[in-house]
């Protein structure tokens, strides 16, 4: 068989292959966590935000370079308006409450997705957060907001088609690397580990291209109960896996 696509290779330069460079998490189960306790869904989202703080700390201590969190998908607009408003309020609160501490900890904030459709004040806060932390290098926190992988890939196709039409690039020059360069994640390490909480076993339109060679981990824990110890257990699970990238 002749290979037609290249696979990412383990990073050299002394990097520890037992530690994933880039971990992405589908944070699922906030609503079920709240329902089990007789609480409104907003309480589940607030508890889930606390888990973000714990997991981010564990990621930094574990040597992970990038943590990507699926915070608001392009499909989440179908939820009730009251819940969307609660999520927007929570986003405002944590941007105000956490930004200074994240900056001091050397965390770079990156937003992936079409976040500019959000309310103007949130867009302003997000862009100020990215600008303030742009030079930080200890850990990148990439937050997926109004993100959908199919929409991302459609945007890439349109961009490349437009460049071809303008004569800026030849059609036969479009390869996997050219596509990678147009993705929201272009400046992030290759995705090594994708975690989904709450027992669901699907990707839900999240990082479909980037996850081609990622290790997958589906856990039953609801997101508000997923803490630093759970994250470290996921890293240990990753370290025990053998990654062959299609080879022997």
C-alpha atoms as a PDB file:
ATOM      1  CA  UNK A   1       0.000   0.000   0.000  1.00  0.00           C
ATOM      2  CA  UNK A   2       1.295   3.472  -0.873  1.00  0.00           C
ATOM      3  CA  UNK A   3       0.844   6.085   1.831  1.00  0.00           C
ATOM      4  CA  UNK A   4      -1.027   9.171   0.665  1.00  0.00           C
ATOM      5  CA  UNK A   5      -1.125  11.134   3.889  1.00  0.00           C
ATOM      6  CA  UNK A   6       1.482  11.991   6.432  1.00  0.00           C
ATOM      7  CA  UNK A   7       0.997  11.366  10.131  1.00  0.00           C
ATOM      8  CA  UNK A   8       2.340  13.521  12.929  1.00  0.00           C
ATOM      9  CA  UNK A   9       5.458  12.158  14.541  1.00  0.00           C
ATOM     10  CA  UNK A  10       6.541  12.307  18.193  1.00  0.00           C
ATOM     11  CA  UNK A  11       8.263  15.550  19.012  1.00  0.00           C
ATOM     12  CA  UNK A  12      12.032  15.437  19.400  1.00  0.00           C
ATOM     13  CA  UNK A  13      14.361  17.810  21.179  1.00  0.00           C
ATOM     14  CA  UNK A  14      14.163  16.098  24.534  1.00  0.00           C
ATOM     15  CA  UNK A  15      10.371  16.305  24.908  1.00  0.00           C
ATOM     16  CA  UNK A  16       8.894  13.631  27.191  1.00  0.00           C
ATOM     17  CA  UNK A  17       6.681  11.460  24.935  1.00  0.00           C
ATOM     18  CA  UNK A  18       4.746  10.256  27.978  1.00  0.00           C
ATOM     19  CA  UNK A  19       3.299  13.758  28.429  1.00  0.00           C
ATOM     20  CA  UNK A  20       0.836  14.943  25.782  1.00  0.00           C
ATOM     21  CA  UNK A  21       1.787  18.292  24.293  1.00  0.00           C
ATOM     22  CA  UNK A  22      -1.805  19.206  23.524  1.00  0.00           C
ATOM     23  CA  UNK A  23      -4.860  17.985  25.409  1.00  0.00           C
ATOM     24  CA  UNK A  24      -8.417  18.835  24.370  1.00  0.00           C
ATOM     25  CA  UNK A  25     -11.493  18.255  26.510  1.00  0.00           C
ATOM     26  CA  UNK A  26     -15.185  18.029  25.656  1.00  0.00           C
ATOM     27  CA  UNK A  27     -16.547  19.223  28.989  1.00  0.00           C
ATOM     28  CA  UNK A  28     -19.829  17.309  29.162  1.00  0.00           C
ATOM     29  CA  UNK A  29     -22.261  16.656  31.991  1.00  0.00           C
ATOM     30  CA  UNK A  30     -22.920  19.998  33.692  1.00  0.00           C
ATOM     31  CA  UNK A  31     -26.681  19.718  33.233  1.00  0.00           C
ATOM     32  CA  UNK A  32     -26.877  16.124  34.463  1.00  0.00           C
ATOM     33  CA  UNK A  33     -24.686  17.016  37.470  1.00  0.00           C
ATOM     34  CA  UNK A  34     -27.133  19.767  38.424  1.00  0.00           C
ATOM     35  CA  UNK A  35     -30.220  17.621  37.789  1.00  0.00           C
ATOM     36  CA  UNK A  36     -28.903  14.857  40.082  1.00  0.00           C
ATOM     37  CA  UNK A  37     -28.732  17.464  42.853  1.00  0.00           C
ATOM     38  CA  UNK A  38     -32.059  19.128  42.151  1.00  0.00           C
ATOM     39  CA  UNK A  39     -30.287  22.312  41.048  1.00  0.00           C
ATOM     40  CA  UNK A  40     -30.804  24.560  38.024  1.00  0.00           C
ATOM     41  CA  UNK A  41     -28.563  23.958  34.995  1.00  0.00           C
ATOM     42  CA  UNK A  42     -26.816  27.259  35.720  1.00  0.00           C
ATOM     43  CA  UNK A  43     -25.459  25.731  38.929  1.00  0.00           C
ATOM     44  CA  UNK A  44     -23.960  22.913  36.897  1.00  0.00           C
ATOM     45  CA  UNK A  45     -22.245  25.357  34.568  1.00  0.00           C
ATOM     46  CA  UNK A  46     -20.846  27.275  37.551  1.00  0.00           C
ATOM     47  CA  UNK A  47     -19.518  24.062  39.103  1.00  0.00           C
ATOM     48  CA  UNK A  48     -18.037  23.148  35.722  1.00  0.00           C
ATOM     49  CA  UNK A  49     -16.177  26.450  35.618  1.00  0.00           C
ATOM     50  CA  UNK A  50     -14.550  25.531  38.924  1.00  0.00           C
ATOM     51  CA  UNK A  51     -13.357  22.287  37.334  1.00  0.00           C
ATOM     52  CA  UNK A  52     -11.696  24.336  34.597  1.00  0.00           C
ATOM     53  CA  UNK A  53      -9.558  26.056  37.232  1.00  0.00           C
ATOM     54  CA  UNK A  54      -8.497  22.735  38.780  1.00  0.00           C
ATOM     55  CA  UNK A  55      -7.721  21.073  35.451  1.00  0.00           C
ATOM     56  CA  UNK A  56      -5.809  24.069  34.152  1.00  0.00           C
ATOM     57  CA  UNK A  57      -3.604  23.987  37.250  1.00  0.00           C
ATOM     58  CA  UNK A  58      -2.987  20.251  36.831  1.00  0.00           C
ATOM     59  CA  UNK A  59      -2.186  20.700  33.143  1.00  0.00           C
ATOM     60  CA  UNK A  60       0.458  23.300  33.918  1.00  0.00           C
ATOM     61  CA  UNK A  61       2.006  21.132  36.613  1.00  0.00           C
ATOM     62  CA  UNK A  62       2.035  18.101  34.282  1.00  0.00           C
ATOM     63  CA  UNK A  63       4.025  19.873  31.576  1.00  0.00           C
ATOM     64  CA  UNK A  64       1.209  20.043  29.025  1.00  0.00           C
ATOM     65  CA  UNK A  65       1.880  22.812  26.500  1.00  0.00           C
ATOM     66  CA  UNK A  66      -1.704  23.456  25.406  1.00  0.00           C
ATOM     67  CA  UNK A  67      -5.131  22.764  26.874  1.00  0.00           C
ATOM     68  CA  UNK A  68      -8.106  23.233  24.547  1.00  0.00           C
ATOM     69  CA  UNK A  69     -11.597  23.342  26.064  1.00  0.00           C
ATOM     70  CA  UNK A  70     -14.872  22.977  24.156  1.00  0.00           C
ATOM     71  CA  UNK A  71     -16.777  25.714  25.950  1.00  0.00           C
ATOM     72  CA  UNK A  72     -19.552  26.681  23.510  1.00  0.00           C
ATOM     73  CA  UNK A  73     -20.255  24.887  20.259  1.00  0.00           C
ATOM     74  CA  UNK A  74     -21.914  26.363  17.189  1.00  0.00           C
ATOM     75  CA  UNK A  75     -24.840  24.030  17.976  1.00  0.00           C
ATOM     76  CA  UNK A  76     -25.270  25.370  21.516  1.00  0.00           C
ATOM     77  CA  UNK A  77     -27.300  28.303  20.160  1.00  0.00           C
ATOM     78  CA  UNK A  78     -30.197  25.807  19.990  1.00  0.00           C
ATOM     79  CA  UNK A  79     -30.381  25.763  23.780  1.00  0.00           C
ATOM     80  CA  UNK A  80     -32.989  27.842  25.663  1.00  0.00           C
ATOM     81  CA  UNK A  81     -32.280  31.573  25.681  1.00  0.00           C
ATOM     82  CA  UNK A  82     -32.162  31.619  29.482  1.00  0.00           C
ATOM     83  CA  UNK A  83     -29.367  29.031  29.508  1.00  0.00           C
ATOM     84  CA  UNK A  84     -27.407  30.884  26.825  1.00  0.00           C
ATOM     85  CA  UNK A  85     -27.713  34.086  28.854  1.00  0.00           C
ATOM     86  CA  UNK A  86     -26.476  32.239  31.943  1.00  0.00           C
ATOM     87  CA  UNK A  87     -23.454  30.952  30.002  1.00  0.00           C
ATOM     88  CA  UNK A  88     -22.651  34.433  28.701  1.00  0.00           C
ATOM     89  CA  UNK A  89     -22.882  35.842  32.202  1.00  0.00           C
ATOM     90  CA  UNK A  90     -20.570  33.143  33.510  1.00  0.00           C
ATOM     91  CA  UNK A  91     -18.075  33.863  30.734  1.00  0.00           C
ATOM     92  CA  UNK A  92     -18.093  37.566  31.630  1.00  0.00           C
ATOM     93  CA  UNK A  93     -17.616  36.785  35.317  1.00  0.00           C
ATOM     94  CA  UNK A  94     -14.662  34.438  34.869  1.00  0.00           C
ATOM     95  CA  UNK A  95     -12.917  36.666  32.347  1.00  0.00           C
ATOM     96  CA  UNK A  96     -13.006  39.450  34.921  1.00  0.00           C
ATOM     97  CA  UNK A  97     -12.176  37.238  37.889  1.00  0.00           C
ATOM     98  CA  UNK A  98      -9.446  35.029  36.402  1.00  0.00           C
ATOM     99  CA  UNK A  99      -7.606  37.035  33.741  1.00  0.00           C
ATOM    100  CA  UNK A 100      -5.085  38.702  36.038  1.00  0.00           C
ATOM    101  CA  UNK A 101      -4.174  35.425  37.759  1.00  0.00           C
ATOM    102  CA  UNK A 102      -3.844  33.575  34.451  1.00  0.00           C
ATOM    103  CA  UNK A 103      -1.557  36.278  33.121  1.00  0.00           C
ATOM    104  CA  UNK A 104       0.662  36.109  36.216  1.00  0.00           C
ATOM    105  CA  UNK A 105       0.846  32.320  35.843  1.00  0.00           C
ATOM    106  CA  UNK A 106       2.182  32.679  32.302  1.00  0.00           C
ATOM    107  CA  UNK A 107      -0.942  31.360  30.576  1.00  0.00           C
ATOM    108  CA  UNK A 108      -1.605  32.467  27.013  1.00  0.00           C
ATOM    109  CA  UNK A 109      -5.277  32.699  26.126  1.00  0.00           C
ATOM    110  CA  UNK A 110      -6.373  31.799  22.605  1.00  0.00           C
ATOM    111  CA  UNK A 111      -9.909  31.674  21.254  1.00  0.00           C
ATOM    112  CA  UNK A 112     -10.847  29.278  18.464  1.00  0.00           C
ATOM    113  CA  UNK A 113     -14.147  29.596  16.645  1.00  0.00           C
ATOM    114  CA  UNK A 114     -16.259  32.480  15.355  1.00  0.00           C
ATOM    115  CA  UNK A 115     -16.393  34.303  18.683  1.00  0.00           C
ATOM    116  CA  UNK A 116     -17.160  37.677  17.074  1.00  0.00           C
ATOM    117  CA  UNK A 117     -20.865  36.819  16.922  1.00  0.00           C
ATOM    118  CA  UNK A 118     -20.969  37.063  20.718  1.00  0.00           C
ATOM    119  CA  UNK A 119     -22.194  40.255  22.459  1.00  0.00           C
ATOM    120  CA  UNK A 120     -19.855  43.196  21.800  1.00  0.00           C
ATOM    121  CA  UNK A 121     -18.703  43.496  25.415  1.00  0.00           C
ATOM    122  CA  UNK A 122     -17.666  39.834  25.500  1.00  0.00           C
ATOM    123  CA  UNK A 123     -15.819  40.166  22.185  1.00  0.00           C
ATOM    124  CA  UNK A 124     -13.936  43.140  23.616  1.00  0.00           C
ATOM    125  CA  UNK A 125     -13.048  41.225  26.792  1.00  0.00           C
ATOM    126  CA  UNK A 126     -11.864  38.194  24.819  1.00  0.00           C
ATOM    127  CA  UNK A 127      -9.662  40.264  22.530  1.00  0.00           C
ATOM    128  CA  UNK A 128      -8.194  42.169  25.470  1.00  0.00           C
ATOM    129  CA  UNK A 129      -7.436  38.854  27.202  1.00  0.00           C
ATOM    130  CA  UNK A 130      -5.680  37.514  24.105  1.00  0.00           C
ATOM    131  CA  UNK A 131      -3.679  40.718  23.672  1.00  0.00           C
ATOM    132  CA  UNK A 132      -2.646  40.872  27.334  1.00  0.00           C
ATOM    133  CA  UNK A 133      -1.428  37.263  27.443  1.00  0.00           C
ATOM    134  CA  UNK A 134      -0.035  36.977  23.890  1.00  0.00           C
ATOM    135  CA  UNK A 135       3.610  36.789  25.000  1.00  0.00           C
ATOM    136  CA  UNK A 136       3.034  34.196  27.746  1.00  0.00           C
ATOM    137  CA  UNK A 137       4.585  30.798  27.105  1.00  0.00           C
ATOM    138  CA  UNK A 138       4.106  28.533  30.130  1.00  0.00           C
ATOM    139  CA  UNK A 139       0.809  27.093  28.882  1.00  0.00           C
ATOM    140  CA  UNK A 140      -1.715  27.971  26.170  1.00  0.00           C
ATOM    141  CA  UNK A 141      -5.378  27.833  27.134  1.00  0.00           C
ATOM    142  CA  UNK A 142      -7.380  27.584  23.915  1.00  0.00           C
ATOM    143  CA  UNK A 143     -11.101  28.082  24.430  1.00  0.00           C
ATOM    144  CA  UNK A 144     -13.473  26.935  21.691  1.00  0.00           C
ATOM    145  CA  UNK A 145     -16.334  29.431  21.467  1.00  0.00           C
ATOM    146  CA  UNK A 146     -19.020  29.201  18.784  1.00  0.00           C
ATOM    147  CA  UNK A 147     -16.813  26.477  17.365  1.00  0.00           C
ATOM    148  CA  UNK A 148     -17.784  23.669  15.001  1.00  0.00           C
ATOM    149  CA  UNK A 149     -15.211  21.563  13.178  1.00  0.00           C
ATOM    150  CA  UNK A 150     -17.233  21.266   9.972  1.00  0.00           C
ATOM    151  CA  UNK A 151     -17.650  25.040   9.865  1.00  0.00           C
ATOM    152  CA  UNK A 152     -13.914  25.414  10.460  1.00  0.00           C
ATOM    153  CA  UNK A 153     -13.075  23.120   7.564  1.00  0.00           C
ATOM    154  CA  UNK A 154     -15.624  24.832   5.314  1.00  0.00           C
ATOM    155  CA  UNK A 155     -13.957  28.153   6.105  1.00  0.00           C
ATOM    156  CA  UNK A 156     -10.549  26.676   5.206  1.00  0.00           C
ATOM    157  CA  UNK A 157     -11.861  25.347   1.877  1.00  0.00           C
ATOM    158  CA  UNK A 158     -13.343  28.740   0.999  1.00  0.00           C
ATOM    159  CA  UNK A 159     -10.128  30.525   1.943  1.00  0.00           C
ATOM    160  CA  UNK A 160      -7.978  28.229  -0.166  1.00  0.00           C
ATOM    161  CA  UNK A 161     -10.439  28.343  -3.075  1.00  0.00           C
ATOM    162  CA  UNK A 162     -10.334  32.132  -3.002  1.00  0.00           C
ATOM    163  CA  UNK A 163      -6.522  32.134  -2.995  1.00  0.00           C
ATOM    164  CA  UNK A 164      -6.475  29.716  -5.918  1.00  0.00           C
ATOM    165  CA  UNK A 165      -8.956  31.894  -7.837  1.00  0.00           C
ATOM    166  CA  UNK A 166      -6.742  34.931  -7.253  1.00  0.00           C
ATOM    167  CA  UNK A 167      -3.677  33.043  -8.456  1.00  0.00           C
ATOM    168  CA  UNK A 168      -1.988  33.283  -5.064  1.00  0.00           C
ATOM    169  CA  UNK A 169      -1.564  29.510  -4.795  1.00  0.00           C
ATOM    170  CA  UNK A 170      -1.701  26.651  -7.282  1.00  0.00           C
ATOM    171  CA  UNK A 171      -4.402  24.029  -6.776  1.00  0.00           C
ATOM    172  CA  UNK A 172      -1.858  21.203  -6.793  1.00  0.00           C
ATOM    173  CA  UNK A 173       0.064  22.986  -4.031  1.00  0.00           C
ATOM    174  CA  UNK A 174      -2.801  22.469  -1.584  1.00  0.00           C
ATOM    175  CA  UNK A 175      -1.734  19.633   0.714  1.00  0.00           C
ATOM    176  CA  UNK A 176      -2.308  18.698   4.346  1.00  0.00           C
ATOM    177  CA  UNK A 177       0.219  21.270   5.535  1.00  0.00           C
ATOM    178  CA  UNK A 178      -1.594  24.008   3.596  1.00  0.00           C
ATOM    179  CA  UNK A 179      -4.845  23.048   5.313  1.00  0.00           C
ATOM    180  CA  UNK A 180      -3.154  22.915   8.731  1.00  0.00           C
ATOM    181  CA  UNK A 181      -1.921  26.487   8.241  1.00  0.00           C
ATOM    182  CA  UNK A 182      -5.479  27.766   7.803  1.00  0.00           C
ATOM    183  CA  UNK A 183      -7.010  26.066  10.835  1.00  0.00           C
ATOM    184  CA  UNK A 184      -7.773  27.937  14.062  1.00  0.00           C
ATOM    185  CA  UNK A 185      -5.192  25.666  15.693  1.00  0.00           C
ATOM    186  CA  UNK A 186      -2.372  26.460  13.251  1.00  0.00           C
ATOM    187  CA  UNK A 187      -0.057  27.787  15.951  1.00  0.00           C
ATOM    188  CA  UNK A 188      -0.790  25.031  18.480  1.00  0.00           C
ATOM    189  CA  UNK A 189       1.052  21.720  18.983  1.00  0.00           C
ATOM    190  CA  UNK A 190      -0.482  18.652  17.331  1.00  0.00           C
ATOM    191  CA  UNK A 191      -3.400  17.251  19.308  1.00  0.00           C
ATOM    192  CA  UNK A 192      -2.173  14.263  21.344  1.00  0.00           C
ATOM    193  CA  UNK A 193      -5.065  13.479  23.681  1.00  0.00           C
ATOM    194  CA  UNK A 194      -8.791  14.164  23.476  1.00  0.00           C
ATOM    195  CA  UNK A 195     -10.909  13.573  26.590  1.00  0.00           C
ATOM    196  CA  UNK A 196     -14.694  13.537  26.841  1.00  0.00           C
ATOM    197  CA  UNK A 197     -16.455  13.394  30.190  1.00  0.00           C
ATOM    198  CA  UNK A 198     -19.922  12.137  31.185  1.00  0.00           C
ATOM    199  CA  UNK A 199     -19.846   8.735  29.474  1.00  0.00           C
ATOM    200  CA  UNK A 200     -20.716   9.911  25.972  1.00  0.00           C
ATOM    201  CA  UNK A 201     -18.490   8.423  23.253  1.00  0.00           C
ATOM    202  CA  UNK A 202     -18.611  10.853  20.330  1.00  0.00           C
ATOM    203  CA  UNK A 203     -16.676  13.891  19.119  1.00  0.00           C
ATOM    204  CA  UNK A 204     -19.671  16.198  18.613  1.00  0.00           C
ATOM    205  CA  UNK A 205     -18.097  18.157  15.740  1.00  0.00           C
ATOM    206  CA  UNK A 206     -14.974  18.985  17.758  1.00  0.00           C
ATOM    207  CA  UNK A 207     -11.459  19.103  16.237  1.00  0.00           C
ATOM    208  CA  UNK A 208     -12.285  16.442  13.631  1.00  0.00           C
ATOM    209  CA  UNK A 209      -9.230  17.162  11.452  1.00  0.00           C
ATOM    210  CA  UNK A 210      -6.892  17.694  14.393  1.00  0.00           C
ATOM    211  CA  UNK A 211      -7.983  14.474  16.122  1.00  0.00           C
ATOM    212  CA  UNK A 212      -6.897  12.224  13.216  1.00  0.00           C
ATOM    213  CA  UNK A 213      -4.051  10.676  15.251  1.00  0.00           C
ATOM    214  CA  UNK A 214      -5.032  11.789  18.750  1.00  0.00           C
ATOM    215  CA  UNK A 215      -5.530   9.300  21.538  1.00  0.00           C
ATOM    216  CA  UNK A 216      -9.127   9.230  22.786  1.00  0.00           C
ATOM    217  CA  UNK A 217     -10.269   8.864  26.372  1.00  0.00           C
ATOM    218  CA  UNK A 218     -13.959   8.679  27.297  1.00  0.00           C
ATOM    219  CA  UNK A 219     -14.698   8.768  31.021  1.00  0.00           C
ATOM    220  CA  UNK A 220     -17.978   8.410  32.910  1.00  0.00           C
ATOM    221  CA  UNK A 221     -17.211  11.290  35.298  1.00  0.00           C
ATOM    222  CA  UNK A 222     -19.483  14.302  34.886  1.00  0.00           C
ATOM    223  CA  UNK A 223     -17.471  17.419  34.132  1.00  0.00           C
ATOM    224  CA  UNK A 224     -18.052  19.236  37.473  1.00  0.00           C
ATOM    225  CA  UNK A 225     -16.565  16.166  39.215  1.00  0.00           C
ATOM    226  CA  UNK A 226     -13.533  16.023  36.915  1.00  0.00           C
ATOM    227  CA  UNK A 227     -10.678  17.558  38.910  1.00  0.00           C
ATOM    228  CA  UNK A 228      -6.890  17.706  38.963  1.00  0.00           C
ATOM    229  CA  UNK A 229      -6.561  14.086  40.082  1.00  0.00           C
ATOM    230  CA  UNK A 230      -8.816  12.962  37.225  1.00  0.00           C
ATOM    231  CA  UNK A 231      -6.709  14.919  34.770  1.00  0.00           C
ATOM    232  CA  UNK A 232      -3.485  13.419  36.098  1.00  0.00           C
ATOM    233  CA  UNK A 233      -5.058   9.951  35.786  1.00  0.00           C
ATOM    234  CA  UNK A 234      -5.809  10.744  32.134  1.00  0.00           C
ATOM    235  CA  UNK A 235      -2.170  11.721  31.583  1.00  0.00           C
ATOM    236  CA  UNK A 236      -1.061   8.449  33.176  1.00  0.00           C
ATOM    237  CA  UNK A 237      -3.404   6.535  30.889  1.00  0.00           C
ATOM    238  CA  UNK A 238      -1.905   8.340  27.883  1.00  0.00           C
ATOM    239  CA  UNK A 239       1.624   7.461  29.026  1.00  0.00           C
ATOM    240  CA  UNK A 240       0.768   3.739  28.937  1.00  0.00           C
ATOM    241  CA  UNK A 241      -0.376   3.808  25.322  1.00  0.00           C
ATOM    242  CA  UNK A 242       1.786   2.898  22.351  1.00  0.00           C
ATOM    243  CA  UNK A 243       1.411   5.322  19.442  1.00  0.00           C
ATOM    244  CA  UNK A 244       2.388   3.896  16.082  1.00  0.00           C
ATOM    245  CA  UNK A 245       0.851   6.447  13.683  1.00  0.00           C
ATOM    246  CA  UNK A 246      -0.096   3.712  11.238  1.00  0.00           C
ATOM    247  CA  UNK A 247       3.306   1.979  11.469  1.00  0.00           C
ATOM    248  CA  UNK A 248       4.363  -1.188  13.260  1.00  0.00           C
END
